[in-house]
Protein backbone atom coordinates (compact mmCIF):
# COMPACT_ATOMS: atom_id res chain seq x y z
CA MET A 1 0.00 0.00 0.00
CA GLY A 2 2.93 2.31 0.63
CA THR A 3 4.23 1.89 -2.89
CA MET A 4 0.77 2.42 -4.35
CA SER A 5 0.28 5.57 -2.26
CA ALA A 6 3.70 6.98 -3.17
CA LEU A 7 3.16 6.33 -6.88
CA ALA A 8 -0.36 7.77 -6.79
CA ASN A 9 0.91 10.94 -5.11
CA LEU A 10 3.82 11.29 -7.50
CA THR A 11 1.45 10.79 -10.43
CA ALA A 12 -0.83 13.48 -9.01
CA ARG A 13 2.25 15.77 -8.96
CA GLY A 14 1.89 16.65 -5.30
CA ARG A 15 -1.66 17.98 -5.54
CA ARG A 16 -3.39 18.32 -2.18
CA VAL A 17 -7.00 18.07 -1.12
CA SER A 18 -8.38 21.52 -0.29
CA PHE A 19 -10.19 20.53 2.92
CA LEU A 20 -7.20 18.47 4.18
CA SER A 21 -4.17 20.42 3.00
CA PHE A 22 -1.68 17.95 4.52
CA VAL A 23 -3.08 14.96 2.60
CA GLY A 24 -2.22 14.27 -1.02
CA LEU A 25 -4.84 13.53 -3.63
CA GLY A 26 -3.20 10.17 -4.33
CA THR A 27 -3.47 9.26 -0.65
CA ILE A 28 -7.21 9.99 -0.62
CA ILE A 29 -7.78 7.90 -3.74
CA VAL A 30 -5.76 4.93 -2.47
CA ALA A 31 -7.39 5.11 0.99
CA ALA A 32 -10.88 5.13 -0.54
CA VAL A 33 -10.10 2.08 -2.67
CA VAL A 34 -8.58 0.23 0.29
CA VAL A 35 -11.54 0.95 2.56
CA ALA A 36 -13.99 -0.15 -0.14
CA GLU A 37 -12.00 -3.33 -0.77
CA GLU A 38 -11.80 -4.18 2.92
CA ILE A 39 -15.53 -3.55 3.47
CA SER A 40 -16.41 -5.63 0.40
CA GLN A 41 -14.77 -8.63 2.09
CA ILE A 42 -17.77 -8.82 4.44
CA TRP A 43 -19.84 -10.24 1.58
CA ILE A 44 -17.19 -12.40 -0.12
CA PRO A 45 -17.17 -16.03 1.03
CA GLY A 46 -13.79 -17.11 2.37
CA ARG A 47 -12.74 -13.52 3.14
CA THR A 48 -13.11 -11.57 6.37
CA PHE A 49 -13.15 -7.91 7.30
CA ASP A 50 -10.21 -7.19 9.60
CA LEU A 51 -9.53 -3.88 11.35
CA TYR A 52 -5.88 -4.84 11.91
CA ASP A 53 -5.45 -5.36 8.18
CA LEU A 54 -7.06 -1.98 7.52
CA ALA A 55 -4.79 -0.33 10.10
CA ALA A 56 -1.72 -1.89 8.47
CA ASP A 57 -2.92 -0.63 5.09
CA PHE A 58 -3.26 2.88 6.50
CA LEU A 59 0.25 2.74 7.95
CA GLY A 60 1.57 1.82 4.52
CA ILE A 61 -0.48 4.56 2.88
CA ALA A 62 0.86 7.14 5.34
CA GLY A 63 4.41 5.95 4.67
CA GLY A 64 3.87 6.31 0.93
CA GLN A 65 2.49 9.82 1.46
CA ALA A 66 5.58 10.73 3.49
CA LEU A 67 7.92 9.30 0.85
CA ALA A 68 6.20 11.19 -1.96
CA THR A 69 6.20 14.43 0.05
CA ARG A 70 9.89 14.06 0.79
CA SER A 71 10.59 13.40 -2.88
CA TRP A 72 8.66 16.48 -4.00
CA ARG A 73 10.36 18.69 -1.40
CA ALA A 74 13.80 17.46 -2.44
CA ARG A 75 12.98 18.10 -6.09
CA ASP A 76 11.64 21.58 -5.35
CA GLN A 77 14.65 22.46 -3.23
CA SER A 78 17.13 21.34 -5.89
CA ALA A 79 15.26 23.36 -8.53
CA ARG A 80 15.72 26.65 -6.65
CA PRO A 81 18.57 28.80 -7.93
CA GLY A 82 21.41 29.27 -5.48
CA THR A 83 20.50 26.19 -3.46
CA PRO A 84 23.55 24.00 -2.87
CA THR A 85 23.24 20.48 -4.20
CA ALA A 86 25.10 17.36 -3.09
CA SER A 87 27.40 17.54 -6.13
CA SER A 88 28.31 21.22 -5.59
CA GLU A 89 29.17 20.85 -1.90
CA GLY A 90 32.44 19.16 -2.76
């Protein structure tokens, strides 16, 4: 779920949700799909709804959000003129 969240946020180019400015659009989309999938397991024979599984999914989603945010910040910082980069520090 972390990889899916990170890729979704990178694909959305860092766009945020207006009512939750700290949450990426990709995170919201992945979380909605995961919740729907977990709830759907109630009606699928041989599958069970599990809150621990959902919590683990959300931990992965949050990690993917953090990774994507860090990636975007690093890219934005390196794009600023006059900002030292790893190669220019010597």
